[in-house]
C-alpha cells in the first residue's frame, strides 16, 4: 500500500516473517508495515493492528504516526483465519523468496565468531532503501574491555553488497566467509 504512506519502503519480508510479526494470536498486535525513508520519528510510518476475530483475521486500527495529513484511509481487511494461518506459516518456512539479507542475518546470528575475531559485533542486515537488490550488512566495534567506558565512541560499518546475478544462497555464503578470511573493517564504508 504505497499510497498509505508514500514516503518510504515497506518493511522487508525478513523483518515481518522471521519475527512472527504477521501471526494472528489471541492478543491483538501492532505491526509496522512501512517506515519513511529517513525514520518513523521524522517522516512517519504505517502500522496496522493484526487481530483474530473468531473465524477471521482482521487488519485494522491503522495508524500513521508522523505521516502527512490527507492520505487516504486504509480499509479494514478481513481474511479467513485458517487460510491466513496456513499462508503465514508457509511464507515463514519458504526460503525460495529469501534475499541474501535474510540468509546473512541468520548466519551472523548463528555464527558471530568471524566478526568477534576482529573485535566487531553484528548489527542489522537488510535491503538498501531504494535498491531492493542491494544488501546492507552493518556491524560495529565491540564495547571496550581495556578500561574504556561504554560511552567511548564506537564505529559502525555499512557493507553494501549489490546484486551480482548469483543465487541468494551463494551470495550469502560468500559474504559470511569473507570476514573469516580478512578484516571486515577494510571493505565497508564507516558510518560514524
N, C-alpha and C. Protein backbone atom coordinates (compact mmCIF):
# COMPACT_ATOMS: atom_id res chain seq x y z
N UNK A 1 0.82 -1.19 0.00
CA UNK A 1 0.00 0.00 0.00
C UNK A 1 0.86 1.25 0.00
N UNK A 2 1.64 1.49 -1.03
CA UNK A 2 2.49 2.68 -1.05
C UNK A 2 1.71 3.97 -0.87
N UNK A 3 0.48 4.01 -1.36
CA UNK A 3 -0.33 5.22 -1.24
C UNK A 3 -0.69 5.53 0.21
N UNK A 4 -0.58 4.56 1.11
CA UNK A 4 -0.97 4.77 2.51
C UNK A 4 0.09 5.50 3.32
N UNK A 5 1.32 5.56 2.81
CA UNK A 5 2.38 6.31 3.48
C UNK A 5 3.08 7.22 2.50
N UNK A 6 3.52 6.66 1.39
CA UNK A 6 4.09 7.46 0.32
C UNK A 6 5.45 8.07 0.57
N UNK A 7 6.14 7.67 1.63
CA UNK A 7 7.43 8.28 1.94
C UNK A 7 8.52 7.27 2.22
N UNK A 8 8.33 6.05 1.84
CA UNK A 8 9.37 5.07 2.10
C UNK A 8 8.91 3.67 1.80
N UNK A 9 9.80 2.71 1.97
CA UNK A 9 9.51 1.33 1.58
C UNK A 9 8.74 0.57 2.64
N UNK A 10 8.15 -0.54 2.21
CA UNK A 10 7.57 -1.48 3.14
C UNK A 10 8.67 -2.17 3.93
N UNK A 11 8.31 -2.69 5.08
CA UNK A 11 9.28 -3.46 5.86
C UNK A 11 9.70 -4.66 5.02
N UNK A 12 10.96 -5.04 5.07
CA UNK A 12 11.39 -6.20 4.29
C UNK A 12 10.75 -7.47 4.83
N UNK A 13 10.52 -8.44 3.95
CA UNK A 13 9.87 -9.69 4.39
C UNK A 13 10.56 -10.35 5.58
N UNK A 14 11.90 -10.29 5.61
CA UNK A 14 12.59 -10.95 6.72
C UNK A 14 12.23 -10.32 8.06
N UNK A 15 11.93 -9.05 8.10
CA UNK A 15 11.56 -8.42 9.38
C UNK A 15 10.14 -8.78 9.78
N UNK A 16 9.28 -9.03 8.82
CA UNK A 16 7.90 -9.38 9.14
C UNK A 16 7.73 -10.88 9.40
N UNK A 17 8.44 -11.70 8.65
CA UNK A 17 8.24 -13.14 8.75
C UNK A 17 9.15 -13.79 9.79
N UNK A 18 10.40 -13.41 9.85
CA UNK A 18 11.32 -14.05 10.79
C UNK A 18 10.98 -13.74 12.24
N UNK A 19 10.27 -12.68 12.48
CA UNK A 19 9.92 -12.29 13.84
C UNK A 19 8.54 -12.79 14.26
N UNK A 20 7.79 -13.37 13.31
CA UNK A 20 6.43 -13.79 13.61
C UNK A 20 5.45 -12.64 13.71
N UNK A 21 5.84 -11.46 13.24
CA UNK A 21 5.01 -10.27 13.39
C UNK A 21 3.64 -10.38 12.75
N UNK A 22 3.52 -11.16 11.69
CA UNK A 22 2.24 -11.24 10.98
C UNK A 22 1.31 -12.32 11.53
N UNK A 23 1.78 -13.11 12.48
CA UNK A 23 0.92 -14.14 13.07
C UNK A 23 -0.22 -13.47 13.84
N UNK A 24 -1.37 -14.09 13.76
CA UNK A 24 -2.55 -13.60 14.47
C UNK A 24 -2.77 -14.48 15.69
N UNK A 25 -2.56 -13.92 16.87
CA UNK A 25 -2.73 -14.68 18.10
C UNK A 25 -3.96 -14.23 18.86
N UNK A 26 -4.05 -14.66 20.11
CA UNK A 26 -5.19 -14.29 20.94
C UNK A 26 -5.22 -12.81 21.26
N UNK A 27 -4.05 -12.20 21.37
CA UNK A 27 -3.98 -10.77 21.68
C UNK A 27 -3.65 -9.99 20.41
N UNK A 28 -4.34 -8.87 20.19
CA UNK A 28 -4.02 -8.03 19.03
C UNK A 28 -2.57 -7.56 19.11
N UNK A 29 -1.95 -7.40 17.95
CA UNK A 29 -0.58 -6.89 17.94
C UNK A 29 -0.45 -5.84 16.86
N UNK A 30 0.27 -4.78 17.21
CA UNK A 30 0.55 -3.73 16.24
C UNK A 30 1.80 -4.10 15.46
N UNK A 31 1.73 -3.95 14.15
CA UNK A 31 2.83 -4.32 13.27
C UNK A 31 3.16 -3.12 12.39
N UNK A 32 4.44 -2.77 12.34
CA UNK A 32 4.85 -1.71 11.41
C UNK A 32 5.06 -2.35 10.04
N UNK A 33 4.33 -1.85 9.05
CA UNK A 33 4.42 -2.38 7.69
C UNK A 33 5.35 -1.57 6.81
N UNK A 34 5.54 -0.30 7.13
CA UNK A 34 6.41 0.57 6.32
C UNK A 34 6.94 1.68 7.20
N UNK A 35 8.12 2.19 6.81
CA UNK A 35 8.74 3.31 7.52
C UNK A 35 9.25 4.29 6.49
N UNK A 36 9.15 5.57 6.81
CA UNK A 36 9.64 6.61 5.91
C UNK A 36 11.12 6.41 5.63
N UNK A 37 11.56 6.95 4.53
CA UNK A 37 12.95 6.78 4.09
C UNK A 37 13.95 7.31 5.10
N UNK A 38 13.59 8.24 5.96
CA UNK A 38 14.53 8.71 6.98
C UNK A 38 14.31 7.92 8.27
N UNK A 39 13.27 8.22 9.01
CA UNK A 39 12.90 7.44 10.20
C UNK A 39 11.42 7.67 10.48
N UNK A 40 10.87 6.80 11.30
CA UNK A 40 9.48 6.96 11.71
C UNK A 40 9.28 8.26 12.46
N UNK A 41 10.22 8.59 13.34
CA UNK A 41 10.09 9.81 14.14
C UNK A 41 10.16 11.08 13.33
N UNK A 42 10.78 11.02 12.19
CA UNK A 42 10.92 12.21 11.35
C UNK A 42 9.75 12.35 10.38
N UNK A 43 9.54 11.35 9.55
CA UNK A 43 8.57 11.48 8.45
C UNK A 43 7.47 10.44 8.44
N UNK A 44 7.43 9.56 9.43
CA UNK A 44 6.28 8.69 9.55
C UNK A 44 6.49 7.23 9.29
N UNK A 45 5.42 6.50 9.54
CA UNK A 45 5.40 5.06 9.34
C UNK A 45 3.94 4.63 9.18
N UNK A 46 3.77 3.39 8.76
CA UNK A 46 2.44 2.81 8.61
C UNK A 46 2.36 1.58 9.51
N UNK A 47 1.40 1.59 10.43
CA UNK A 47 1.19 0.48 11.36
C UNK A 47 -0.22 -0.06 11.16
N UNK A 48 -0.37 -1.35 11.43
CA UNK A 48 -1.69 -1.97 11.43
C UNK A 48 -1.77 -2.87 12.66
N UNK A 49 -2.98 -3.03 13.17
CA UNK A 49 -3.20 -3.97 14.26
C UNK A 49 -3.75 -5.25 13.66
N UNK A 50 -3.07 -6.37 13.94
CA UNK A 50 -3.48 -7.69 13.47
C UNK A 50 -4.19 -8.37 14.64
N UNK A 51 -5.42 -8.77 14.40
CA UNK A 51 -6.17 -9.42 15.48
C UNK A 51 -7.04 -10.55 14.92
N UNK A 52 -7.31 -11.50 15.77
CA UNK A 52 -8.17 -12.63 15.42
C UNK A 52 -9.57 -12.32 15.95
N UNK A 53 -10.55 -12.48 15.08
CA UNK A 53 -11.96 -12.33 15.46
C UNK A 53 -12.71 -13.56 14.99
N UNK A 54 -12.81 -14.55 15.87
CA UNK A 54 -13.50 -15.79 15.50
C UNK A 54 -12.81 -16.48 14.33
N UNK A 55 -13.54 -16.63 13.24
CA UNK A 55 -13.02 -17.33 12.06
C UNK A 55 -12.27 -16.41 11.11
N UNK A 56 -11.97 -15.20 11.57
CA UNK A 56 -11.28 -14.23 10.70
C UNK A 56 -10.04 -13.65 11.38
N UNK A 57 -9.12 -13.22 10.54
CA UNK A 57 -8.01 -12.37 10.98
C UNK A 57 -8.31 -11.01 10.37
N UNK A 58 -8.21 -9.98 11.20
CA UNK A 58 -8.55 -8.63 10.78
C UNK A 58 -7.32 -7.75 10.86
N UNK A 59 -7.09 -7.01 9.79
CA UNK A 59 -6.10 -5.95 9.80
C UNK A 59 -6.88 -4.65 9.86
N UNK A 60 -6.72 -3.91 10.95
CA UNK A 60 -7.45 -2.66 11.13
C UNK A 60 -6.73 -1.76 12.10
N UNK A 61 -7.44 -0.74 12.57
CA UNK A 61 -6.86 0.24 13.50
C UNK A 61 -5.53 0.75 12.97
N UNK A 62 -5.54 1.15 11.72
CA UNK A 62 -4.34 1.65 11.07
C UNK A 62 -3.87 2.92 11.76
N UNK A 63 -2.56 3.11 11.82
CA UNK A 63 -2.02 4.37 12.32
C UNK A 63 -0.82 4.76 11.46
N UNK A 64 -0.63 6.06 11.34
CA UNK A 64 0.47 6.60 10.54
C UNK A 64 1.13 7.74 11.31
N UNK A 65 1.84 7.42 12.40
CA UNK A 65 2.47 8.49 13.16
C UNK A 65 3.49 9.24 12.29
N UNK A 66 3.38 10.56 12.32
CA UNK A 66 4.33 11.40 11.59
C UNK A 66 4.08 11.50 10.10
N UNK A 67 3.10 10.78 9.59
CA UNK A 67 2.83 10.81 8.14
C UNK A 67 2.09 12.10 7.77
N UNK A 68 2.19 12.52 6.52
CA UNK A 68 1.49 13.74 6.11
C UNK A 68 -0.02 13.56 6.20
N UNK A 69 -0.68 14.65 6.45
CA UNK A 69 -2.16 14.64 6.53
C UNK A 69 -2.75 14.51 5.13
N UNK A 70 -3.98 14.02 5.09
CA UNK A 70 -4.69 13.98 3.82
C UNK A 70 -4.51 12.70 3.02
N UNK A 71 -3.76 11.75 3.53
CA UNK A 71 -3.62 10.48 2.81
C UNK A 71 -4.91 9.68 2.93
N UNK A 72 -5.27 8.89 1.92
CA UNK A 72 -6.49 8.08 2.03
C UNK A 72 -6.40 7.10 3.20
N UNK A 73 -7.52 6.86 3.82
CA UNK A 73 -7.57 5.95 4.97
C UNK A 73 -7.54 4.51 4.46
N UNK A 74 -6.63 3.69 4.96
CA UNK A 74 -6.60 2.28 4.54
C UNK A 74 -7.86 1.55 5.01
N UNK A 75 -8.33 0.61 4.22
CA UNK A 75 -9.55 -0.11 4.61
C UNK A 75 -9.25 -1.18 5.66
N UNK A 76 -10.28 -1.61 6.36
CA UNK A 76 -10.16 -2.77 7.24
C UNK A 76 -10.13 -3.98 6.32
N UNK A 77 -9.17 -4.87 6.56
CA UNK A 77 -9.03 -6.07 5.74
C UNK A 77 -9.37 -7.29 6.57
N UNK A 78 -10.19 -8.22 6.00
CA UNK A 78 -10.59 -9.44 6.70
C UNK A 78 -10.13 -10.64 5.89
N UNK A 79 -9.54 -11.62 6.60
CA UNK A 79 -9.04 -12.83 5.98
C UNK A 79 -9.64 -14.03 6.69
N UNK A 80 -9.87 -15.10 5.96
CA UNK A 80 -10.25 -16.36 6.58
C UNK A 80 -9.08 -16.79 7.47
N UNK A 81 -9.35 -17.03 8.76
CA UNK A 81 -8.27 -17.29 9.72
C UNK A 81 -7.46 -18.54 9.38
N UNK A 82 -8.13 -19.62 8.98
CA UNK A 82 -7.39 -20.85 8.67
C UNK A 82 -6.49 -20.64 7.47
N UNK A 83 -7.00 -19.99 6.42
CA UNK A 83 -6.19 -19.73 5.23
C UNK A 83 -5.05 -18.77 5.56
N UNK A 84 -5.33 -17.76 6.36
CA UNK A 84 -4.31 -16.78 6.76
C UNK A 84 -3.17 -17.48 7.51
N UNK A 85 -3.53 -18.30 8.51
CA UNK A 85 -2.52 -19.01 9.29
C UNK A 85 -1.67 -19.91 8.41
N UNK A 86 -2.31 -20.62 7.47
CA UNK A 86 -1.55 -21.50 6.57
C UNK A 86 -0.57 -20.69 5.72
N UNK A 87 -1.05 -19.56 5.19
CA UNK A 87 -0.19 -18.76 4.31
C UNK A 87 0.98 -18.14 5.07
N UNK A 88 0.74 -17.63 6.27
CA UNK A 88 1.84 -17.06 7.05
C UNK A 88 2.85 -18.16 7.41
N UNK A 89 2.36 -19.32 7.82
CA UNK A 89 3.27 -20.44 8.15
C UNK A 89 4.07 -20.86 6.91
N UNK A 90 3.42 -20.93 5.75
CA UNK A 90 4.13 -21.29 4.52
C UNK A 90 5.21 -20.27 4.19
N UNK A 91 4.88 -18.98 4.30
CA UNK A 91 5.85 -17.92 4.00
C UNK A 91 7.02 -17.94 4.97
N UNK A 92 6.76 -18.26 6.25
CA UNK A 92 7.84 -18.33 7.23
C UNK A 92 8.79 -19.50 6.95
N UNK A 93 8.26 -20.61 6.43
CA UNK A 93 9.10 -21.79 6.13
C UNK A 93 9.80 -21.67 4.78
N UNK A 94 9.18 -20.99 3.86
CA UNK A 94 9.67 -20.92 2.48
C UNK A 94 10.94 -20.08 2.40
N UNK A 95 11.99 -20.64 1.87
CA UNK A 95 13.23 -19.90 1.68
C UNK A 95 13.43 -19.53 0.22
N UNK A 96 12.50 -19.94 -0.64
CA UNK A 96 12.64 -19.65 -2.05
C UNK A 96 12.67 -18.17 -2.37
N UNK A 97 11.98 -17.38 -1.59
CA UNK A 97 11.95 -15.92 -1.82
C UNK A 97 13.10 -15.22 -1.11
N UNK A 98 13.86 -15.97 -0.32
CA UNK A 98 14.87 -15.36 0.53
C UNK A 98 15.81 -14.45 -0.24
N UNK A 99 16.02 -13.35 0.33
CA UNK A 99 17.04 -12.45 -0.16
C UNK A 99 18.32 -12.77 0.59
N UNK A 100 19.45 -12.41 0.03
CA UNK A 100 20.69 -12.65 0.77
C UNK A 100 20.65 -12.03 2.17
N UNK A 101 19.95 -10.91 2.32
CA UNK A 101 19.91 -10.24 3.63
C UNK A 101 19.40 -11.18 4.71
N UNK A 102 18.36 -11.91 4.41
CA UNK A 102 17.79 -12.81 5.41
C UNK A 102 18.79 -13.91 5.77
N UNK A 103 19.40 -14.48 4.76
CA UNK A 103 20.34 -15.57 4.99
C UNK A 103 21.60 -15.09 5.72
N UNK A 104 22.06 -13.89 5.39
CA UNK A 104 23.24 -13.34 6.06
C UNK A 104 22.92 -13.02 7.51
N UNK A 105 21.76 -12.41 7.76
CA UNK A 105 21.38 -12.10 9.14
C UNK A 105 21.33 -13.36 9.99
N UNK A 106 20.75 -14.43 9.45
CA UNK A 106 20.70 -15.71 10.18
C UNK A 106 22.11 -16.24 10.43
N UNK A 107 22.96 -16.16 9.42
CA UNK A 107 24.33 -16.66 9.56
C UNK A 107 25.13 -15.90 10.60
N UNK A 108 24.98 -14.58 10.62
CA UNK A 108 25.71 -13.77 11.61
C UNK A 108 25.18 -14.02 13.02
N UNK A 109 23.87 -14.22 13.12
CA UNK A 109 23.28 -14.50 14.43
C UNK A 109 23.76 -15.85 14.95
N UNK A 110 23.81 -16.85 14.06
CA UNK A 110 24.19 -18.20 14.47
C UNK A 110 25.69 -18.38 14.64
N UNK A 111 26.49 -17.57 13.91
CA UNK A 111 27.95 -17.72 13.94
C UNK A 111 28.62 -16.35 14.04
N UNK A 112 28.61 -15.73 15.23
CA UNK A 112 29.21 -14.40 15.36
C UNK A 112 30.74 -14.42 15.44
N UNK A 113 31.34 -15.61 15.52
CA UNK A 113 32.78 -15.75 15.70
C UNK A 113 33.65 -14.99 14.72
N UNK A 114 33.40 -15.08 13.41
CA UNK A 114 34.29 -14.36 12.48
C UNK A 114 34.34 -12.85 12.73
N UNK A 115 33.23 -12.22 13.07
CA UNK A 115 33.27 -10.78 13.37
C UNK A 115 33.95 -10.53 14.72
N UNK A 116 33.63 -11.35 15.72
CA UNK A 116 34.22 -11.17 17.05
C UNK A 116 35.74 -11.29 16.99
N UNK A 117 36.24 -12.12 16.11
CA UNK A 117 37.70 -12.26 15.95
C UNK A 117 38.36 -10.93 15.66
N UNK A 118 37.63 -10.02 15.01
CA UNK A 118 38.16 -8.71 14.64
C UNK A 118 37.69 -7.61 15.61
N UNK A 119 37.07 -8.00 16.72
CA UNK A 119 36.60 -7.01 17.68
C UNK A 119 35.32 -6.32 17.24
N UNK A 120 34.50 -7.03 16.49
CA UNK A 120 33.26 -6.47 15.95
C UNK A 120 32.07 -7.33 16.36
N UNK A 121 30.89 -6.72 16.32
CA UNK A 121 29.66 -7.46 16.56
C UNK A 121 28.66 -7.11 15.47
N UNK A 122 27.77 -8.06 15.13
CA UNK A 122 26.81 -7.79 14.07
C UNK A 122 25.79 -6.75 14.50
N UNK A 123 25.35 -5.96 13.55
CA UNK A 123 24.26 -5.01 13.74
C UNK A 123 23.04 -5.54 13.00
N UNK A 124 22.42 -4.70 12.20
CA UNK A 124 21.27 -5.15 11.41
C UNK A 124 21.72 -5.45 9.99
N UNK A 125 20.98 -6.30 9.36
CA UNK A 125 21.21 -6.65 7.96
C UNK A 125 19.86 -6.57 7.26
N UNK A 126 19.83 -5.91 6.12
CA UNK A 126 18.58 -5.76 5.38
C UNK A 126 18.84 -5.30 3.97
N UNK A 127 17.78 -4.91 3.31
CA UNK A 127 17.90 -4.41 1.95
C UNK A 127 18.05 -2.90 1.99
N UNK A 128 18.77 -2.36 1.03
CA UNK A 128 19.01 -0.92 0.97
C UNK A 128 17.75 -0.21 0.50
N UNK A 129 17.45 0.93 1.13
CA UNK A 129 16.30 1.72 0.71
C UNK A 129 16.50 2.16 -0.74
N UNK A 130 15.50 1.96 -1.53
CA UNK A 130 15.55 2.37 -2.92
C UNK A 130 16.34 1.45 -3.82
N UNK A 131 16.99 0.44 -3.23
CA UNK A 131 17.79 -0.52 -4.01
C UNK A 131 17.50 -1.92 -3.47
N UNK A 132 16.33 -2.48 -3.77
CA UNK A 132 15.95 -3.76 -3.17
C UNK A 132 16.86 -4.92 -3.54
N UNK A 133 17.73 -4.75 -4.53
CA UNK A 133 18.66 -5.82 -4.89
C UNK A 133 20.02 -5.65 -4.21
N UNK A 134 20.15 -4.64 -3.36
CA UNK A 134 21.40 -4.43 -2.63
C UNK A 134 21.19 -4.79 -1.17
N UNK A 135 22.08 -5.59 -0.64
CA UNK A 135 22.04 -5.97 0.76
C UNK A 135 22.98 -5.06 1.54
N UNK A 136 22.53 -4.60 2.70
CA UNK A 136 23.36 -3.79 3.59
C UNK A 136 23.60 -4.61 4.86
N UNK A 137 24.88 -4.80 5.17
CA UNK A 137 25.28 -5.50 6.39
C UNK A 137 25.93 -4.47 7.29
N UNK A 138 25.47 -4.37 8.53
CA UNK A 138 26.10 -3.43 9.46
C UNK A 138 26.72 -4.21 10.61
N UNK A 139 27.80 -3.67 11.12
CA UNK A 139 28.43 -4.19 12.32
C UNK A 139 29.22 -3.06 12.95
N UNK A 140 29.49 -3.20 14.24
CA UNK A 140 30.23 -2.14 14.91
C UNK A 140 31.25 -2.72 15.88
N UNK A 141 32.08 -1.80 16.37
CA UNK A 141 33.12 -2.19 17.32
C UNK A 141 32.47 -2.73 18.59
N UNK A 142 33.09 -3.76 19.16
CA UNK A 142 32.64 -4.26 20.46
C UNK A 142 32.91 -3.21 21.53
N UNK A 143 32.11 -3.19 22.61
CA UNK A 143 32.40 -2.26 23.70
C UNK A 143 33.80 -2.52 24.24
N UNK A 144 34.47 -1.48 24.73
CA UNK A 144 35.85 -1.65 25.21
C UNK A 144 35.91 -2.54 26.44
N UNK A 145 36.99 -3.32 26.51
CA UNK A 145 37.22 -4.16 27.68
C UNK A 145 38.53 -3.79 28.35
N UNK A 146 39.19 -2.75 27.84
CA UNK A 146 40.51 -2.39 28.35
C UNK A 146 40.49 -1.12 29.19
N UNK A 147 39.43 -0.94 29.95
CA UNK A 147 39.36 0.23 30.82
C UNK A 147 38.59 1.39 30.22
N UNK A 148 38.22 1.29 28.95
CA UNK A 148 37.40 2.33 28.34
C UNK A 148 36.00 2.30 28.95
N UNK A 149 35.21 3.27 28.64
CA UNK A 149 33.85 3.32 29.16
C UNK A 149 32.87 2.97 28.06
N UNK A 150 31.67 2.53 28.42
CA UNK A 150 30.67 2.23 27.39
C UNK A 150 30.36 3.45 26.52
N UNK A 151 30.64 4.64 27.02
CA UNK A 151 30.38 5.85 26.23
C UNK A 151 31.47 6.12 25.20
N UNK A 152 32.57 5.35 25.26
CA UNK A 152 33.63 5.53 24.28
C UNK A 152 33.05 5.36 22.88
N UNK A 153 33.28 6.33 21.99
CA UNK A 153 32.67 6.22 20.66
C UNK A 153 33.11 4.95 19.95
N UNK A 154 32.14 4.32 19.31
CA UNK A 154 32.42 3.13 18.52
C UNK A 154 32.04 3.44 17.08
N UNK A 155 32.68 2.77 16.18
CA UNK A 155 32.35 2.95 14.77
C UNK A 155 31.35 1.90 14.33
N UNK A 156 30.46 2.32 13.48
CA UNK A 156 29.57 1.39 12.81
C UNK A 156 30.02 1.32 11.35
N UNK A 157 29.94 0.13 10.78
CA UNK A 157 30.36 -0.08 9.41
C UNK A 157 29.16 -0.54 8.59
N UNK A 158 29.03 -0.02 7.38
CA UNK A 158 27.99 -0.43 6.46
C UNK A 158 28.65 -1.04 5.24
N UNK A 159 28.33 -2.29 4.98
CA UNK A 159 28.88 -3.00 3.85
C UNK A 159 27.75 -3.24 2.87
N UNK A 160 27.83 -2.66 1.68
CA UNK A 160 26.81 -2.79 0.64
C UNK A 160 27.20 -3.90 -0.33
N UNK A 161 26.30 -4.83 -0.54
CA UNK A 161 26.52 -5.94 -1.47
C UNK A 161 25.50 -5.84 -2.60
N UNK A 162 25.88 -5.31 -3.74
CA UNK A 162 24.93 -5.21 -4.84
C UNK A 162 24.66 -6.57 -5.47
N UNK A 163 23.52 -6.66 -6.12
CA UNK A 163 23.14 -7.87 -6.85
C UNK A 163 24.23 -8.20 -7.86
N UNK A 164 24.62 -9.48 -7.91
CA UNK A 164 25.64 -9.87 -8.87
C UNK A 164 25.20 -11.04 -9.74
N UNK A 165 23.93 -11.39 -9.67
CA UNK A 165 23.41 -12.44 -10.52
C UNK A 165 23.51 -13.84 -9.96
N UNK A 166 24.18 -14.01 -8.84
CA UNK A 166 24.28 -15.35 -8.24
C UNK A 166 23.07 -15.58 -7.33
N UNK A 167 22.71 -16.85 -7.10
CA UNK A 167 21.57 -17.15 -6.22
C UNK A 167 21.81 -16.61 -4.81
N UNK A 168 20.72 -16.26 -4.10
CA UNK A 168 20.86 -15.71 -2.74
C UNK A 168 21.70 -16.57 -1.81
N UNK A 169 21.57 -17.89 -1.92
CA UNK A 169 22.33 -18.77 -1.02
C UNK A 169 23.83 -18.63 -1.25
N UNK A 170 24.24 -18.53 -2.52
CA UNK A 170 25.68 -18.40 -2.82
C UNK A 170 26.20 -17.03 -2.41
N UNK A 171 25.41 -15.98 -2.64
CA UNK A 171 25.84 -14.64 -2.22
C UNK A 171 26.00 -14.58 -0.71
N UNK A 172 25.04 -15.17 0.01
CA UNK A 172 25.11 -15.15 1.48
C UNK A 172 26.32 -15.94 1.97
N UNK A 173 26.54 -17.11 1.39
CA UNK A 173 27.69 -17.93 1.83
C UNK A 173 29.00 -17.19 1.60
N UNK A 174 29.13 -16.52 0.47
CA UNK A 174 30.36 -15.76 0.19
C UNK A 174 30.53 -14.61 1.17
N UNK A 175 29.44 -13.91 1.48
CA UNK A 175 29.51 -12.80 2.43
C UNK A 175 29.87 -13.29 3.82
N UNK A 176 29.37 -14.44 4.22
CA UNK A 176 29.68 -14.97 5.55
C UNK A 176 31.11 -15.51 5.64
N UNK A 177 31.66 -15.96 4.52
CA UNK A 177 33.05 -16.45 4.51
C UNK A 177 34.06 -15.30 4.58
N UNK A 178 33.74 -14.19 3.98
CA UNK A 178 34.73 -13.12 3.84
C UNK A 178 35.29 -12.62 5.17
N UNK A 179 34.46 -12.36 6.22
CA UNK A 179 35.05 -11.90 7.49
C UNK A 179 35.92 -12.95 8.17
N UNK A 180 35.77 -14.22 7.81
CA UNK A 180 36.63 -15.26 8.38
C UNK A 180 38.02 -15.22 7.73
N UNK A 181 38.11 -14.61 6.55
CA UNK A 181 39.36 -14.60 5.80
C UNK A 181 40.12 -13.28 5.86
N UNK A 182 39.39 -12.17 6.07
CA UNK A 182 40.06 -10.86 6.10
C UNK A 182 39.30 -9.91 7.01
N UNK A 183 40.01 -8.91 7.50
CA UNK A 183 39.45 -7.93 8.42
C UNK A 183 38.29 -7.19 7.75
N UNK A 184 37.08 -7.34 8.28
CA UNK A 184 35.91 -6.72 7.66
C UNK A 184 35.86 -5.20 7.77
N UNK A 185 36.77 -4.60 8.54
CA UNK A 185 36.78 -3.14 8.61
C UNK A 185 37.37 -2.52 7.35
N UNK A 186 37.95 -3.35 6.49
CA UNK A 186 38.61 -2.84 5.30
C UNK A 186 37.72 -2.66 4.10
N UNK A 187 36.51 -3.21 4.09
CA UNK A 187 35.73 -3.09 2.87
C UNK A 187 34.40 -2.38 2.98
N UNK A 188 33.82 -2.14 4.13
CA UNK A 188 32.61 -1.32 4.14
C UNK A 188 32.93 0.15 4.28
N UNK A 189 31.89 0.95 4.19
CA UNK A 189 32.09 2.39 4.45
C UNK A 189 31.79 2.62 5.93
N UNK A 190 32.67 3.32 6.65
CA UNK A 190 32.38 3.60 8.06
C UNK A 190 31.22 4.59 8.15
N UNK A 191 30.37 4.38 9.17
CA UNK A 191 29.19 5.23 9.32
C UNK A 191 29.28 6.17 10.50
N UNK A 192 30.27 6.07 11.32
CA UNK A 192 30.34 7.01 12.44
C UNK A 192 30.83 6.35 13.69
